[in-house]
PDB file of N, CA and C in Angstrom:
ATOM      1  N   MET A   1     159.315 206.775-170.888  1.00  0.00           N
ATOM      2  CA  MET A   1     158.802 205.710-170.036  1.00  0.00           C
ATOM      3  C   MET A   1     158.783 206.138-168.567  1.00  0.00           C
ATOM      4  N   ALA A   2     159.783 206.901-168.122  1.00  0.00           N
ATOM      5  CA  ALA A   2     159.829 207.295-166.714  1.00  0.00           C
ATOM      6  C   ALA A   2     158.612 208.120-166.324  1.00  0.00           C
ATOM      7  N   GLY A   3     158.089 208.947-167.231  1.00  0.00           N
ATOM      8  CA  GLY A   3     156.934 209.770-166.945  1.00  0.00           C
ATOM      9  C   GLY A   3     155.639 208.994-166.835  1.00  0.00           C
ATOM     10  N   LYS A   4     155.648 207.760-167.287  1.00  0.00           N
ATOM     11  CA  LYS A   4     154.458 206.912-167.283  1.00  0.00           C
ATOM     12  C   LYS A   4     153.856 206.751-165.887  1.00  0.00           C
ATOM     13  N   PHE A   5     154.683 206.746-164.870  1.00  0.00           N
ATOM     14  CA  PHE A   5     154.217 206.495-163.510  1.00  0.00           C
ATOM     15  C   PHE A   5     154.172 207.753-162.653  1.00  0.00           C
ATOM     16  N   GLU A   6     154.442 208.894-163.248  1.00  0.00           N
ATOM     17  CA  GLU A   6     154.439 210.139-162.488  1.00  0.00           C
ATOM     18  C   GLU A   6     153.015 210.483-162.052  1.00  0.00           C
ATOM     19  N   PRO A   7     152.845 210.917-160.792  1.00  0.00           N
ATOM     20  CA  PRO A   7     151.518 211.322-160.339  1.00  0.00           C
ATOM     21  C   PRO A   7     151.049 212.574-161.080  1.00  0.00           C
ATOM     22  N   LYS A   8     149.745 212.709-161.262  1.00  0.00           N
ATOM     23  CA  LYS A   8     149.193 213.892-161.933  1.00  0.00           C
ATOM     24  C   LYS A   8     149.450 215.144-161.108  1.00  0.00           C
ATOM     25  N   THR A   9     149.383 215.007-159.794  1.00  0.00           N
ATOM     26  CA  THR A   9     149.677 216.097-158.876  1.00  0.00           C
ATOM     27  C   THR A   9     150.958 215.737-158.136  1.00  0.00           C
ATOM     28  N   PRO A  10     151.949 216.638-158.089  1.00  0.00           N
ATOM     29  CA  PRO A  10     153.200 216.317-157.394  1.00  0.00           C
ATOM     30  C   PRO A  10     152.957 215.887-155.947  1.00  0.00           C
ATOM     31  N   VAL A  11     153.716 214.908-155.511  1.00  0.00           N
ATOM     32  CA  VAL A  11     153.604 214.361-154.160  1.00  0.00           C
ATOM     33  C   VAL A  11     154.948 214.527-153.463  1.00  0.00           C
ATOM     34  N   VAL A  12     154.935 215.062-152.251  1.00  0.00           N
ATOM     35  CA  VAL A  12     156.152 215.187-151.459  1.00  0.00           C
ATOM     36  C   VAL A  12     156.221 213.963-150.555  1.00  0.00           C
ATOM     37  N   LEU A  13     157.256 213.167-150.731  1.00  0.00           N
ATOM     38  CA  LEU A  13     157.392 211.928-149.967  1.00  0.00           C
ATOM     39  C   LEU A  13     158.482 212.059-148.913  1.00  0.00           C
ATOM     40  N   ALA A  14     158.262 211.429-147.781  1.00  0.00           N
ATOM     41  CA  ALA A  14     159.276 211.358-146.736  1.00  0.00           C
ATOM     42  C   ALA A  14     160.303 210.301-147.135  1.00  0.00           C
ATOM     43  N   PRO A  15     161.515 210.369-146.571  1.00  0.00           N
ATOM     44  CA  PRO A  15     162.497 209.318-146.868  1.00  0.00           C
ATOM     45  C   PRO A  15     161.943 207.955-146.459  1.00  0.00           C
ATOM     46  N   PRO A  16     162.236 206.902-147.246  1.00  0.00           N
ATOM     47  CA  PRO A  16     161.735 205.564-146.903  1.00  0.00           C
ATOM     48  C   PRO A  16     162.278 205.084-145.562  1.00  0.00           C
ATOM     49  N   LYS A  17     161.463 204.345-144.851  1.00  0.00           N
ATOM     50  CA  LYS A  17     161.873 203.744-143.579  1.00  0.00           C
ATOM     51  C   LYS A  17     161.989 202.243-143.765  1.00  0.00           C
ATOM     52  N   ASP A  18     162.757 201.608-142.902  1.00  0.00           N
ATOM     53  CA  ASP A  18     162.857 200.151-142.965  1.00  0.00           C
ATOM     54  C   ASP A  18     162.535 199.512-141.615  1.00  0.00           C
ATOM     55  N   ASP A  19     161.712 200.207-140.818  1.00  0.00           N
ATOM     56  CA  ASP A  19     161.285 199.666-139.531  1.00  0.00           C
ATOM     57  C   ASP A  19     160.435 198.419-139.759  1.00  0.00           C
ATOM     58  N   PRO A  20     160.616 197.378-138.935  1.00  0.00           N
ATOM     59  CA  PRO A  20     159.752 196.196-139.078  1.00  0.00           C
ATOM     60  C   PRO A  20     158.327 196.526-138.646  1.00  0.00           C
ATOM     61  N   ILE A  21     157.356 196.084-139.440  1.00  0.00           N
ATOM     62  CA  ILE A  21     155.941 196.320-139.150  1.00  0.00           C
ATOM     63  C   ILE A  21     155.230 194.972-139.129  1.00  0.00           C
ATOM     64  N   SER A  22     154.529 194.691-138.036  1.00  0.00           N
ATOM     65  CA  SER A  22     153.818 193.414-137.934  1.00  0.00           C
ATOM     66  C   SER A  22     152.636 193.408-138.891  1.00  0.00           C
ATOM     67  N   VAL A  23     152.250 192.221-139.327  1.00  0.00           N
ATOM     68  CA  VAL A  23     151.132 192.080-140.250  1.00  0.00           C
ATOM     69  C   VAL A  23     149.866 192.683-139.645  1.00  0.00           C
ATOM     70  N   SER A  24     149.676 192.528-138.349  1.00  0.00           N
ATOM     71  CA  SER A  24     148.475 193.065-137.700  1.00  0.00           C
ATOM     72  C   SER A  24     148.445 194.595-137.698  1.00  0.00           C
ATOM     73  N   SER A  25     149.587 195.232-137.869  1.00  0.00           N
ATOM     74  CA  SER A  25     149.652 196.696-137.898  1.00  0.00           C
ATOM     75  C   SER A  25     149.501 197.272-139.300  1.00  0.00           C
ATOM     76  N   LEU A  26     149.283 196.428-140.277  1.00  0.00           N
ATOM     77  CA  LEU A  26     149.200 196.873-141.666  1.00  0.00           C
ATOM     78  C   LEU A  26     147.836 197.422-142.075  1.00  0.00           C
ATOM     79  N   ALA A  27     146.865 197.445-141.203  1.00  0.00           N
ATOM     80  CA  ALA A  27     145.474 197.753-141.572  1.00  0.00           C
ATOM     81  C   ALA A  27     145.299 199.000-142.433  1.00  0.00           C
ATOM     82  N   THR A  28     146.098 200.019-142.220  1.00  0.00           N
ATOM     83  CA  THR A  28     145.961 201.250-143.011  1.00  0.00           C
ATOM     84  C   THR A  28     147.054 201.368-144.064  1.00  0.00           C
ATOM     85  N   CYS A  29     147.664 200.249-144.379  1.00  0.00           N
ATOM     86  CA  CYS A  29     148.770 200.252-145.325  1.00  0.00           C
ATOM     87  C   CYS A  29     148.585 199.157-146.370  1.00  0.00           C
ATOM     88  N   ASP A  30     149.436 199.190-147.362  1.00  0.00           N
ATOM     89  CA  ASP A  30     149.477 198.172-148.407  1.00  0.00           C
ATOM     90  C   ASP A  30     150.947 197.811-148.558  1.00  0.00           C
ATOM     91  N   ALA A  31     151.244 196.544-148.721  1.00  0.00           N
ATOM     92  CA  ALA A  31     152.638 196.139-148.878  1.00  0.00           C
ATOM     93  C   ALA A  31     152.846 195.474-150.231  1.00  0.00           C
ATOM     94  N   ILE A  32     154.016 195.734-150.800  1.00  0.00           N
ATOM     95  CA  ILE A  32     154.429 195.120-152.058  1.00  0.00           C
ATOM     96  C   ILE A  32     155.866 194.661-151.878  1.00  0.00           C
ATOM     97  N   LYS A  33     156.105 193.385-152.151  1.00  0.00           N
ATOM     98  CA  LYS A  33     157.444 192.807-151.997  1.00  0.00           C
ATOM     99  C   LYS A  33     158.027 193.125-150.621  1.00  0.00           C
ATOM    100  N   GLY A  34     157.173 193.105-149.605  1.00  0.00           N
ATOM    101  CA  GLY A  34     157.631 193.321-148.239  1.00  0.00           C
ATOM    102  C   GLY A  34     157.766 194.775-147.825  1.00  0.00           C
ATOM    103  N   LYS A  35     157.699 195.724-148.761  1.00  0.00           N
ATOM    104  CA  LYS A  35     157.762 197.149-148.425  1.00  0.00           C
ATOM    105  C   LYS A  35     156.357 197.638-148.101  1.00  0.00           C
ATOM    106  N   VAL A  36     156.242 198.377-146.997  1.00  0.00           N
ATOM    107  CA  VAL A  36     154.940 198.844-146.534  1.00  0.00           C
ATOM    108  C   VAL A  36     154.735 200.310-146.938  1.00  0.00           C
ATOM    109  N   PHE A  37     153.649 200.550-147.672  1.00  0.00           N
ATOM    110  CA  PHE A  37     153.289 201.890-148.131  1.00  0.00           C
ATOM    111  C   PHE A  37     152.084 202.387-147.343  1.00  0.00           C
ATOM    112  N   ASP A  38     152.142 203.642-146.906  1.00  0.00           N
ATOM    113  CA  ASP A  38     151.032 204.260-146.181  1.00  0.00           C
ATOM    114  C   ASP A  38     150.015 204.781-147.193  1.00  0.00           C
ATOM    115  N   VAL A  39     148.872 204.115-147.300  1.00  0.00           N
ATOM    116  CA  VAL A  39     147.834 204.495-148.260  1.00  0.00           C
ATOM    117  C   VAL A  39     146.618 205.131-147.569  1.00  0.00           C
ATOM    118  N   THR A  40     146.810 205.594-146.332  1.00  0.00           N
ATOM    119  CA  THR A  40     145.684 206.123-145.557  1.00  0.00           C
ATOM    120  C   THR A  40     144.983 207.300-146.229  1.00  0.00           C
ATOM    121  N   GLY A  41     145.659 208.059-147.055  1.00  0.00           N
ATOM    122  CA  GLY A  41     145.042 209.211-147.697  1.00  0.00           C
ATOM    123  C   GLY A  41     144.208 208.881-148.921  1.00  0.00           C
ATOM    124  N   ASN A  42     144.174 207.625-149.324  1.00  0.00           N
ATOM    125  CA  ASN A  42     143.450 207.238-150.536  1.00  0.00           C
ATOM    126  C   ASN A  42     142.191 206.456-150.161  1.00  0.00           C
ATOM    127  N   LYS A  43     141.029 207.026-150.443  1.00  0.00           N
ATOM    128  CA  LYS A  43     139.741 206.401-150.095  1.00  0.00           C
ATOM    129  C   LYS A  43     139.530 205.051-150.775  1.00  0.00           C
ATOM    130  N   MET A  44     140.241 204.794-151.858  1.00  0.00           N
ATOM    131  CA  MET A  44     140.078 203.535-152.591  1.00  0.00           C
ATOM    132  C   MET A  44     140.460 202.323-151.733  1.00  0.00           C
ATOM    133  N   TYR A  45     141.273 202.546-150.670  1.00  0.00           N
ATOM    134  CA  TYR A  45     141.713 201.446-149.812  1.00  0.00           C
ATOM    135  C   TYR A  45     140.820 201.260-148.591  1.00  0.00           C
ATOM    136  N   LEU A  46     139.845 202.152-148.406  1.00  0.00           N
ATOM    137  CA  LEU A  46     138.907 202.015-147.293  1.00  0.00           C
ATOM    138  C   LEU A  46     137.860 200.953-147.621  1.00  0.00           C
ATOM    139  N   GLU A  47     137.190 200.459-146.600  1.00  0.00           N
ATOM    140  CA  GLU A  47     136.110 199.485-146.793  1.00  0.00           C
ATOM    141  C   GLU A  47     135.131 200.023-147.834  1.00  0.00           C
ATOM    142  N   GLY A  48     134.824 199.201-148.819  1.00  0.00           N
ATOM    143  CA  GLY A  48     133.929 199.608-149.898  1.00  0.00           C
ATOM    144  C   GLY A  48     134.643 200.205-151.096  1.00  0.00           C
ATOM    145  N   GLY A  49     135.919 200.551-150.930  1.00  0.00           N
ATOM    146  CA  GLY A  49     136.701 201.099-152.038  1.00  0.00           C
ATOM    147  C   GLY A  49     137.171 199.996-152.974  1.00  0.00           C
ATOM    148  N   SER A  50     137.520 200.369-154.178  1.00  0.00           N
ATOM    149  CA  SER A  50     137.934 199.395-155.197  1.00  0.00           C
ATOM    150  C   SER A  50     139.133 198.546-154.781  1.00  0.00           C
ATOM    151  N   TYR A  51     140.017 199.119-153.950  1.00  0.00           N
ATOM    152  CA  TYR A  51     141.240 198.402-153.577  1.00  0.00           C
ATOM    153  C   TYR A  51     141.270 197.999-152.106  1.00  0.00           C
ATOM    154  N   HIS A  52     140.122 198.011-151.429  1.00  0.00           N
ATOM    155  CA  HIS A  52     140.099 197.686-149.998  1.00  0.00           C
ATOM    156  C   HIS A  52     140.655 196.296-149.710  1.00  0.00           C
ATOM    157  N   VAL A  53     140.578 195.408-150.672  1.00  0.00           N
ATOM    158  CA  VAL A  53     141.066 194.040-150.473  1.00  0.00           C
ATOM    159  C   VAL A  53     142.584 194.015-150.238  1.00  0.00           C
ATOM    160  N   PHE A  54     143.305 195.043-150.719  1.00  0.00           N
ATOM    161  CA  PHE A  54     144.760 195.096-150.547  1.00  0.00           C
ATOM    162  C   PHE A  54     145.170 195.638-149.181  1.00  0.00           C
ATOM    163  N   ALA A  55     144.345 196.488-148.586  1.00  0.00           N
ATOM    164  CA  ALA A  55     144.697 197.145-147.329  1.00  0.00           C
ATOM    165  C   ALA A  55     144.922 196.112-146.231  1.00  0.00           C
ATOM    166  N   GLY A  56     146.025 196.274-145.534  1.00  0.00           N
ATOM    167  CA  GLY A  56     146.349 195.368-144.443  1.00  0.00           C
ATOM    168  C   GLY A  56     147.079 194.113-144.865  1.00  0.00           C
ATOM    169  N   HIS A  57     147.510 194.060-146.116  1.00  0.00           N
ATOM    170  CA  HIS A  57     148.155 192.848-146.624  1.00  0.00           C
ATOM    171  C   HIS A  57     149.348 193.184-147.512  1.00  0.00           C
ATOM    172  N   ASP A  58     150.208 192.196-147.686  1.00  0.00           N
ATOM    173  CA  ASP A  58     151.197 192.263-148.756  1.00  0.00           C
ATOM    174  C   ASP A  58     150.477 191.683-149.964  1.00  0.00           C
ATOM    175  N   ALA A  59     150.130 192.532-150.893  1.00  0.00           N
ATOM    176  CA  ALA A  59     149.301 192.148-152.043  1.00  0.00           C
ATOM    177  C   ALA A  59     150.128 191.914-153.301  1.00  0.00           C
ATOM    178  N   SER A  60     151.371 191.530-153.152  1.00  0.00           N
ATOM    179  CA  SER A  60     152.275 191.391-154.298  1.00  0.00           C
ATOM    180  C   SER A  60     151.701 190.526-155.412  1.00  0.00           C
ATOM    181  N   ARG A  61     151.226 189.348-155.063  1.00  0.00           N
ATOM    182  CA  ARG A  61     150.724 188.429-156.094  1.00  0.00           C
ATOM    183  C   ARG A  61     149.510 189.012-156.824  1.00  0.00           C
ATOM    184  N   ALA A  62     148.560 189.554-156.085  1.00  0.00           N
ATOM    185  CA  ALA A  62     147.362 190.130-156.709  1.00  0.00           C
ATOM    186  C   ALA A  62     147.728 191.276-157.644  1.00  0.00           C
ATOM    187  N   LEU A  63     148.647 192.123-157.225  1.00  0.00           N
ATOM    188  CA  LEU A  63     149.057 193.237-158.080  1.00  0.00           C
ATOM    189  C   LEU A  63     149.740 192.732-159.345  1.00  0.00           C
ATOM    190  N   ALA A  64     150.589 191.728-159.209  1.00  0.00           N
ATOM    191  CA  ALA A  64     151.262 191.153-160.384  1.00  0.00           C
ATOM    192  C   ALA A  64     150.257 190.564-161.364  1.00  0.00           C
ATOM    193  N   LEU A  65     149.192 189.991-160.822  1.00  0.00           N
ATOM    194  CA  LEU A  65     148.153 189.376-161.655  1.00  0.00           C
ATOM    195  C   LEU A  65     147.067 190.381-162.069  1.00  0.00           C
ATOM    196  N   THR A  66     147.200 191.615-161.612  1.00  0.00           N
ATOM    197  CA  THR A  66     146.190 192.653-161.839  1.00  0.00           C
ATOM    198  C   THR A  66     144.816 192.142-161.408  1.00  0.00           C
ATOM    199  N   SER A  67     144.774 191.630-160.186  1.00  0.00           N
ATOM    200  CA  SER A  67     143.564 191.013-159.651  1.00  0.00           C
ATOM    201  C   SER A  67     143.132 191.705-158.364  1.00  0.00           C
ATOM    202  N   THR A  68     141.835 191.838-158.181  1.00  0.00           N
ATOM    203  CA  THR A  68     141.300 192.334-156.912  1.00  0.00           C
ATOM    204  C   THR A  68     140.551 191.221-156.169  1.00  0.00           C
ATOM    205  N   LYS A  69     140.834 189.978-156.539  1.00  0.00           N
ATOM    206  CA  LYS A  69     140.223 188.833-155.860  1.00  0.00           C
ATOM    207  C   LYS A  69     140.967 188.575-154.551  1.00  0.00           C
ATOM    208  N   ALA A  70     140.218 188.404-153.475  1.00  0.00           N
ATOM    209  CA  ALA A  70     140.814 188.180-152.159  1.00  0.00           C
ATOM    210  C   ALA A  70     141.752 186.976-152.154  1.00  0.00           C
ATOM    211  N   GLU A  71     141.417 185.933-152.904  1.00  0.00           N
ATOM    212  CA  GLU A  71     142.266 184.729-152.908  1.00  0.00           C
ATOM    213  C   GLU A  71     143.628 184.962-153.558  1.00  0.00           C
ATOM    214  N   ASP A  72     143.779 186.042-154.322  1.00  0.00           N
ATOM    215  CA  ASP A  72     145.070 186.354-154.946  1.00  0.00           C
ATOM    216  C   ASP A  72     145.936 187.271-154.090  1.00  0.00           C
ATOM    217  N   VAL A  73     145.390 187.799-153.007  1.00  0.00           N
ATOM    218  CA  VAL A  73     146.129 188.728-152.150  1.00  0.00           C
ATOM    219  C   VAL A  73     147.053 187.925-151.243  1.00  0.00           C
ATOM    220  N   LYS A  74     148.281 187.738-151.732  1.00  0.00           N
ATOM    221  CA  LYS A  74     149.309 186.963-151.031  1.00  0.00           C
ATOM    222  C   LYS A  74     150.659 187.616-151.282  1.00  0.00           C
ATOM    223  N   PRO A  75     151.613 187.383-150.395  1.00  0.00           N
ATOM    224  CA  PRO A  75     152.935 187.967-150.612  1.00  0.00           C
ATOM    225  C   PRO A  75     153.784 187.218-151.646  1.00  0.00           C
ATOM    226  N   GLU A  76     153.471 185.958-151.909  1.00  0.00           N
ATOM    227  CA  GLU A  76     154.312 185.149-152.797  1.00  0.00           C
ATOM    228  C   GLU A  76     154.161 185.582-154.256  1.00  0.00           C
ATOM    229  N   TRP A  77     155.275 185.868-154.889  1.00  0.00           N
ATOM    230  CA  TRP A  77     155.264 186.290-156.292  1.00  0.00           C
ATOM    231  C   TRP A  77     156.409 185.676-157.100  1.00  0.00           C
ATOM    232  N   GLN A  78     157.384 185.075-156.427  1.00  0.00           N
ATOM    233  CA  GLN A  78     158.596 184.599-157.099  1.00  0.00           C
ATOM    234  C   GLN A  78     158.338 183.535-158.156  1.00  0.00           C
ATOM    235  N   ASP A  79     157.255 182.770-158.045  1.00  0.00           N
ATOM    236  CA  ASP A  79     156.977 181.687-158.991  1.00  0.00           C
ATOM    237  C   ASP A  79     156.235 182.163-160.243  1.00  0.00           C
ATOM    238  N   LEU A  80     155.942 183.440-160.330  1.00  0.00           N
ATOM    239  CA  LEU A  80     155.190 183.968-161.473  1.00  0.00           C
ATOM    240  C   LEU A  80     156.070 184.088-162.719  1.00  0.00           C
ATOM    241  N   GLU A  81     155.410 184.132-163.862  1.00  0.00           N
ATOM    242  CA  GLU A  81     156.104 184.318-165.139  1.00  0.00           C
ATOM    243  C   GLU A  81     156.750 185.710-165.166  1.00  0.00           C
ATOM    244  N   ASP A  82     157.779 185.850-166.006  1.00  0.00           N
ATOM    245  CA  ASP A  82     158.511 187.110-166.090  1.00  0.00           C
ATOM    246  C   ASP A  82     157.622 188.301-166.437  1.00  0.00           C
ATOM    247  N   ASP A  83     156.632 188.106-167.297  1.00  0.00           N
ATOM    248  CA  ASP A  83     155.761 189.230-167.662  1.00  0.00           C
ATOM    249  C   ASP A  83     154.949 189.709-166.458  1.00  0.00           C
ATOM    250  N   LYS A  84     154.566 188.797-165.574  1.00  0.00           N
ATOM    251  CA  LYS A  84     153.828 189.172-164.357  1.00  0.00           C
ATOM    252  C   LYS A  84     154.761 189.859-163.354  1.00  0.00           C
ATOM    253  N   LYS A  85     156.011 189.412-163.306  1.00  0.00           N
ATOM    254  CA  LYS A  85     156.994 190.065-162.434  1.00  0.00           C
ATOM    255  C   LYS A  85     157.231 191.504-162.889  1.00  0.00           C
ATOM    256  N   LYS A  86     157.207 191.729-164.189  1.00  0.00           N
ATOM    257  CA  LYS A  86     157.360 193.085-164.738  1.00  0.00           C
ATOM    258  C   LYS A  86     156.175 193.951-164.312  1.00  0.00           C
ATOM    259  N   VAL A  87     154.975 193.392-164.355  1.00  0.00           N
ATOM    260  CA  VAL A  87     153.782 194.127-163.902  1.00  0.00           C
ATOM    261  C   VAL A  87     153.948 194.514-162.432  1.00  0.00           C
ATOM    262  N   LEU A  88     154.437 193.584-161.617  1.00  0.00           N
ATOM    263  CA  LEU A  88     154.649 193.860-160.196  1.00  0.00           C
ATOM    264  C   LEU A  88     155.689 194.964-160.011  1.00  0.00           C
ATOM    265  N   ASP A  89     156.765 194.918-160.777  1.00  0.00           N
ATOM    266  CA  ASP A  89     157.780 195.972-160.704  1.00  0.00           C
ATOM    267  C   ASP A  89     157.187 197.331-161.076  1.00  0.00           C
ATOM    268  N   ASP A  90     156.299 197.335-162.066  1.00  0.00           N
ATOM    269  CA  ASP A  90     155.626 198.581-162.447  1.00  0.00           C
ATOM    270  C   ASP A  90     154.762 199.104-161.303  1.00  0.00           C
ATOM    271  N   TRP A  91     154.058 198.208-160.612  1.00  0.00           N
ATOM    272  CA  TRP A  91     153.261 198.624-159.459  1.00  0.00           C
ATOM    273  C   TRP A  91     154.156 199.181-158.356  1.00  0.00           C
ATOM    274  N   MET A  92     155.308 198.551-158.146  1.00  0.00           N
ATOM    275  CA  MET A  92     156.246 199.029-157.130  1.00  0.00           C
ATOM    276  C   MET A  92     156.679 200.460-157.464  1.00  0.00           C
ATOM    277  N   THR A  93     156.983 200.707-158.724  1.00  0.00           N
ATOM    278  CA  THR A  93     157.362 202.057-159.156  1.00  0.00           C
ATOM    279  C   THR A  93     156.207 203.024-158.937  1.00  0.00           C
ATOM    280  N   PHE A  94     155.015 202.619-159.327  1.00  0.00           N
ATOM    281  CA  PHE A  94     153.815 203.449-159.171  1.00  0.00           C
ATOM    282  C   PHE A  94     153.623 203.849-157.706  1.00  0.00           C
ATOM    283  N   PHE A  95     153.644 202.874-156.797  1.00  0.00           N
ATOM    284  CA  PHE A  95     153.448 203.148-155.375  1.00  0.00           C
ATOM    285  C   PHE A  95     154.578 204.006-154.816  1.00  0.00           C
ATOM    286  N   SER A  96     155.803 203.739-155.248  1.00  0.00           N
ATOM    287  CA  SER A  96     156.971 204.469-154.748  1.00  0.00           C
ATOM    288  C   SER A  96     156.908 205.952-155.065  1.00  0.00           C
ATOM    289  N   LYS A  97     156.203 206.304-156.117  1.00  0.00           N
ATOM    290  CA  LYS A  97     156.085 207.704-156.515  1.00  0.00           C
ATOM    291  C   LYS A  97     154.883 208.400-155.878  1.00  0.00           C
ATOM    292  N   ARG A  98     154.049 207.651-155.167  1.00  0.00           N
ATOM    293  CA  ARG A  98     152.821 208.226-154.616  1.00  0.00           C
ATOM    294  C   ARG A  98     152.654 208.090-153.105  1.00  0.00           C
ATOM    295  N   TYR A  99     153.241 207.069-152.522  1.00  0.00           N
ATOM    296  CA  TYR A  99     153.000 206.785-151.108  1.00  0.00           C
ATOM    297  C   TYR A  99     154.313 206.648-150.346  1.00  0.00           C
ATOM    298  N   ASN A 100     154.285 207.084-149.084  1.00  0.00           N
ATOM    299  CA  ASN A 100     155.463 206.946-148.232  1.00  0.00           C
ATOM    300  C   ASN A 100     155.700 205.488-147.870  1.00  0.00           C
ATOM    301  N   VAL A 101     156.960 205.092-147.913  1.00  0.00           N
ATOM    302  CA  VAL A 101     157.362 203.772-147.413  1.00  0.00           C
ATOM    303  C   VAL A 101     157.560 203.947-145.917  1.00  0.00           C
ATOM    304  N   VAL A 102     156.764 203.221-145.131  1.00  0.00           N
ATOM    305  CA  VAL A 102     156.807 203.386-143.681  1.00  0.00           C
ATOM    306  C   VAL A 102     157.501 202.230-142.968  1.00  0.00           C
ATOM    307  N   GLY A 103     157.944 201.241-143.713  1.00  0.00           N
ATOM    308  CA  GLY A 103     158.660 200.128-143.106  1.00  0.00           C
ATOM    309  C   GLY A 103     158.630 198.896-143.974  1.00  0.00           C
ATOM    310  N   LEU A 104     159.019 197.795-143.366  1.00  0.00           N
ATOM    311  CA  LEU A 104     159.040 196.491-144.025  1.00  0.00           C
ATOM    312  C   LEU A 104     158.161 195.529-143.242  1.00  0.00           C
ATOM    313  N   VAL A 105     157.507 194.616-143.939  1.00  0.00           N
ATOM    314  CA  VAL A 105     156.693 193.609-143.257  1.00  0.00           C
ATOM    315  C   VAL A 105     157.624 192.757-142.402  1.00  0.00           C
ATOM    316  N   GLU A 106     157.306 192.680-141.131  1.00  0.00           N
ATOM    317  CA  GLU A 106     158.115 191.922-140.185  1.00  0.00           C
ATOM    318  C   GLU A 106     158.249 190.471-140.636  1.00  0.00           C
ATOM    319  N   GLY A 107     159.476 189.988-140.759  1.00  0.00           N
ATOM    320  CA  GLY A 107     159.729 188.607-141.156  1.00  0.00           C
ATOM    321  C   GLY A 107     159.574 188.338-142.640  1.00  0.00           C
ATOM    322  N   SER A 108     159.370 189.367-143.432  1.00  0.00           N
ATOM    323  CA  SER A 108     159.163 189.187-144.870  1.00  0.00           C
ATOM    324  C   SER A 108     160.397 188.599-145.545  1.00  0.00           C
ATOM    325  N   THR A 109     160.149 187.648-146.432  1.00  0.00           N
ATOM    326  CA  THR A 109     161.240 187.036-147.203  1.00  0.00           C
ATOM    327  C   THR A 109     160.994 187.185-148.698  1.00  0.00           C
ATOM    328  N   ASN A 110     160.052 188.037-149.078  1.00  0.00           N
ATOM    329  CA  ASN A 110     159.680 188.125-150.492  1.00  0.00           C
ATOM    330  C   ASN A 110     160.151 189.403-151.180  1.00  0.00           C
ATOM    331  N   GLN A 111     161.207 190.008-150.697  1.00  0.00           N
ATOM    332  CA  GLN A 111     161.691 191.266-151.283  1.00  0.00           C
ATOM    333  C   GLN A 111     162.496 191.036-152.541  1.00  0.00           C
TER     334      GLN A 111
END
């Protein structure tokens, strides 16, 4: 199971940071459960990319729901069913193995 989320190409990650990051500074990042991941190297998060809707936001709820709908891109996830929370945890693992954690969403309470 641990290999399920391993990147196809090894990724060297910097140690995670916990600096507060304002929501307005998230434009080149994606956040999950308040943790901010630097996704600047992935074209999928640029305008027109499949995941551009997540860039600049804490997309926890949308990821848990496996949704790319803008209305689902919200930080709130605690009220979801356990199976959706598991999906979100899987996304957290996936991102943690591929992208640097550059900080925490300033004022986030959804960790």
